Protein backbone atom coordinates (compact mmCIF):
# COMPACT_ATOMS: atom_id res chain seq x y z
CA MET A 1 0.07 0.07 0.00
CA ARG A 2 1.45 3.35 -0.63
CA TYR A 3 0.01 6.79 -0.40
CA GLY A 4 0.82 10.00 -2.22
CA ALA A 5 -0.02 13.92 -2.11
CA ASP A 6 -3.55 12.71 -3.96
CA THR A 7 -4.17 10.10 -1.12
CA ALA A 8 -3.19 12.01 2.06
CA ASN A 9 -6.65 11.74 3.24
CA LEU A 10 -6.92 8.26 3.25
CA CYS A 11 -3.40 7.93 4.91
CA ARG A 12 -4.58 10.10 7.86
CA MET A 13 -6.12 7.41 10.60
CA PRO A 14 -5.71 7.99 14.42
CA ILE A 15 -4.10 5.11 15.93
CA VAL A 16 -4.13 4.29 19.86
CA ARG A 17 -0.92 2.97 21.04
CA ILE A 18 -1.22 1.23 24.32
CA GLU A 19 1.50 -0.13 26.04
CA HIS A 20 2.01 -2.13 29.13
CA ALA A 21 3.64 -5.25 31.08
CA VAL A 22 1.41 -8.29 31.80
CA PRO A 23 2.32 -10.64 34.57
CA ASN A 24 1.09 -13.39 32.40
CA PHE A 25 0.45 -12.92 28.30
CA GLU A 26 -1.73 -16.21 28.25
CA LYS A 27 -4.16 -14.53 30.81
CA TRP A 28 -4.04 -11.13 29.62
CA LYS A 29 -4.94 -12.59 26.17
CA GLN A 30 -8.01 -14.36 27.35
CA ALA A 31 -9.25 -10.86 29.29
CA PHE A 32 -8.45 -8.91 25.86
CA ASP A 33 -10.30 -11.45 24.13
CA LYS A 34 -13.16 -10.86 26.20
CA ASP A 35 -13.43 -7.34 24.82
CA PRO A 36 -14.92 -5.90 27.75
CA VAL A 37 -14.76 -2.07 26.00
CA ASP A 38 -16.67 -3.12 23.03
CA ARG A 39 -13.78 -2.47 20.57
CA LYS A 40 -16.02 -2.62 17.38
CA GLY A 41 -18.75 -0.59 19.08
CA SER A 42 -16.38 1.68 20.36
CA GLY A 43 -15.36 2.74 16.90
CA VAL A 44 -11.88 0.42 16.47
CA ARG A 45 -11.72 -0.64 12.63
CA ARG A 46 -8.65 -2.65 13.15
CA TYR A 47 -6.47 -3.72 15.96
CA GLN A 48 -2.72 -5.33 16.03
CA ILE A 49 -1.05 -6.90 18.96
CA PHE A 50 2.72 -7.30 19.51
CA ARG A 51 4.73 -8.50 21.83
CA ALA A 52 8.76 -7.24 22.86
CA HIS A 53 11.42 -9.65 21.67
CA ASP A 54 13.60 -8.92 24.72
CA ASP A 55 10.31 -9.24 26.61
CA PRO A 56 7.52 -11.61 26.02
CA ASN A 57 5.54 -10.19 28.87
CA TYR A 58 5.60 -6.26 27.65
CA VAL A 59 2.76 -5.95 25.14
CA MET A 60 1.85 -3.12 22.62
CA ILE A 61 -1.70 -2.93 20.66
CA ASP A 62 -2.20 -0.45 17.73
CA LEU A 63 -6.29 0.29 17.53
CA GLU A 64 -7.06 1.99 14.29
CA PHE A 65 -10.27 4.28 14.05
CA ASP A 66 -11.82 6.80 11.55
CA SER A 67 -12.23 9.78 13.81
CA GLN A 68 -10.03 11.64 16.45
CA SER A 69 -12.94 12.00 18.47
CA LYS A 70 -13.68 8.04 18.44
CA ALA A 71 -9.87 7.43 19.07
CA GLU A 72 -10.03 10.05 22.23
CA GLU A 73 -13.15 8.74 23.35
CA PHE A 74 -11.62 5.29 23.30
CA GLN A 75 -8.23 6.16 25.37
CA ARG A 76 -10.84 7.57 28.07
CA THR A 77 -12.65 4.45 28.25
CA MET A 78 -9.45 2.18 28.46
CA GLU A 79 -8.09 4.67 31.23
CA ARG A 80 -11.18 4.09 33.08
CA LEU A 81 -10.57 0.28 32.61
CA TRP A 82 -6.99 0.58 34.14
CA ILE A 83 -7.87 1.65 37.30
CA GLY A 84 -10.60 -0.83 37.56
CA ALA A 85 -10.93 -4.56 36.49
CA GLY A 86 -7.67 -3.83 34.37
CA LYS A 87 -5.42 -4.02 37.51
CA ALA A 88 -5.34 -7.84 37.53
CA VAL A 89 -3.84 -8.10 34.57
CA MET A 90 -1.49 -5.45 33.24
CA GLN A 91 1.18 -3.16 34.65
CA ASN A 92 1.88 0.52 34.33
CA PRO A 93 -0.09 0.98 31.13
CA LYS A 94 0.23 4.12 29.04
CA SER A 95 -1.39 5.29 25.65
CA ARG A 96 -1.52 7.98 23.38
CA ILE A 97 -3.00 8.72 20.13
CA ALA A 98 -0.61 8.91 16.66
CA ASP A 99 -1.73 9.42 12.74
CA ARG A 100 -0.52 7.17 10.58
CA VAL A 101 1.14 9.78 7.66
CA GLU A 102 2.71 6.92 5.55
CA ALA A 103 2.07 3.11 4.97
CA ILE A 104 4.32 1.72 1.77
CA ASP A 105 4.44 -2.01 1.09
CA LEU A 106 7.88 -2.92 -0.26
């Protein structure tokens, strides 16, 4: 996929990047799969999960949205989860919103 000047608007897609340690990846993944925040209903179009090579109990999740407002709303929802039930399966979560400005398949 290659975006140029004529497709700049297609390229701008807000992404919520979440990173945190997990005491046990399998238990975290089970909790994630239960989807307590209704990702699809919250506007998530696609997500990817990554694990750090040097620490398999550190995860990064990229969640793509169609709009900045949906991304911001989802980020607030996640922050509420983290101070509640999320504490049991994750440690020191942090998030930020970024715009994808280029994607090129080589």
